[in-house]
């Protein structure tokens, strides 16, 4: 009988975690996008230097 309330509490807590996860994923996506842009710029600069 004690396990049922624990499961109910976990189920009630899950939507909160679900609401907190999207901002973290969006921030992670922004960081990944910025890192990708920096890597692209670095590769382009290296290619220009090697060609010169």
C-alpha atoms as a PDB file:
ATOM      1  CA  UNK A   1       0.000   0.000   0.000  1.00  0.00           C
ATOM      2  CA  UNK A   2       2.938   2.351   0.567  1.00  0.00           C
ATOM      3  CA  UNK A   3       4.293   1.915  -2.960  1.00  0.00           C
ATOM      4  CA  UNK A   4       1.134   3.286  -4.611  1.00  0.00           C
ATOM      5  CA  UNK A   5       1.444   6.844  -3.211  1.00  0.00           C
ATOM      6  CA  UNK A   6       5.131   6.924  -4.219  1.00  0.00           C
ATOM      7  CA  UNK A   7       4.194   6.016  -7.799  1.00  0.00           C
ATOM      8  CA  UNK A   8       1.472   8.674  -7.746  1.00  0.00           C
ATOM      9  CA  UNK A   9       3.979  11.278  -6.511  1.00  0.00           C
ATOM     10  CA  UNK A  10       6.448  10.290  -9.240  1.00  0.00           C
ATOM     11  CA  UNK A  11       3.689  10.497 -11.858  1.00  0.00           C
ATOM     12  CA  UNK A  12       2.699  13.940 -10.543  1.00  0.00           C
ATOM     13  CA  UNK A  13       6.336  15.089 -10.639  1.00  0.00           C
ATOM     14  CA  UNK A  14       6.942  13.914 -14.219  1.00  0.00           C
ATOM     15  CA  UNK A  15       5.030  16.778 -15.924  1.00  0.00           C
ATOM     16  CA  UNK A  16       7.216  19.237 -14.007  1.00  0.00           C
ATOM     17  CA  UNK A  17      10.354  17.602 -15.375  1.00  0.00           C
ATOM     18  CA  UNK A  18       8.723  17.552 -18.801  1.00  0.00           C
ATOM     19  CA  UNK A  19       8.117  21.305 -18.591  1.00  0.00           C
ATOM     20  CA  UNK A  20      11.708  21.966 -17.475  1.00  0.00           C
ATOM     21  CA  UNK A  21      13.342  19.829 -20.183  1.00  0.00           C
ATOM     22  CA  UNK A  22      12.375  21.885 -23.315  1.00  0.00           C
ATOM     23  CA  UNK A  23      14.224  25.067 -22.206  1.00  0.00           C
ATOM     24  CA  UNK A  24      17.353  23.004 -21.525  1.00  0.00           C
ATOM     25  CA  UNK A  25      17.145  21.306 -24.914  1.00  0.00           C
ATOM     26  CA  UNK A  26      16.614  24.656 -26.662  1.00  0.00           C
ATOM     27  CA  UNK A  27      19.637  26.130 -24.888  1.00  0.00           C
ATOM     28  CA  UNK A  28      21.649  23.034 -25.802  1.00  0.00           C
ATOM     29  CA  UNK A  29      20.551  23.427 -29.416  1.00  0.00           C
ATOM     30  CA  UNK A  30      21.600  27.094 -29.397  1.00  0.00           C
ATOM     31  CA  UNK A  31      25.006  26.190 -27.956  1.00  0.00           C
ATOM     32  CA  UNK A  32      25.429  23.430 -30.539  1.00  0.00           C
ATOM     33  CA  UNK A  33      24.453  25.840 -33.319  1.00  0.00           C
ATOM     34  CA  UNK A  34      26.957  28.425 -32.089  1.00  0.00           C
ATOM     35  CA  UNK A  35      29.700  25.803 -31.823  1.00  0.00           C
ATOM     36  CA  UNK A  36      28.859  24.571 -35.325  1.00  0.00           C
ATOM     37  CA  UNK A  37      29.109  28.120 -36.704  1.00  0.00           C
ATOM     38  CA  UNK A  38      32.447  28.674 -34.957  1.00  0.00           C
ATOM     39  CA  UNK A  39      33.770  25.373 -36.335  1.00  0.00           C
ATOM     40  CA  UNK A  40      32.599  26.271 -39.848  1.00  0.00           C
ATOM     41  CA  UNK A  41      34.282  29.691 -39.656  1.00  0.00           C
ATOM     42  CA  UNK A  42      37.476  28.102 -38.326  1.00  0.00           C
ATOM     43  CA  UNK A  43      37.498  25.510 -41.130  1.00  0.00           C
ATOM     44  CA  UNK A  44      36.957  28.225 -43.749  1.00  0.00           C
ATOM     45  CA  UNK A  45      39.786  30.331 -42.312  1.00  0.00           C
ATOM     46  CA  UNK A  46      42.128  27.326 -42.248  1.00  0.00           C
ATOM     47  CA  UNK A  47      41.210  26.498 -45.856  1.00  0.00           C
ATOM     48  CA  UNK A  48      41.933  30.091 -46.933  1.00  0.00           C
ATOM     49  CA  UNK A  49      45.293  30.088 -45.143  1.00  0.00           C
ATOM     50  CA  UNK A  50      46.270  26.724 -46.652  1.00  0.00           C
ATOM     51  CA  UNK A  51      45.303  27.885 -50.142  1.00  0.00           C
ATOM     52  CA  UNK A  52      47.257  31.112 -49.727  1.00  0.00           C
END
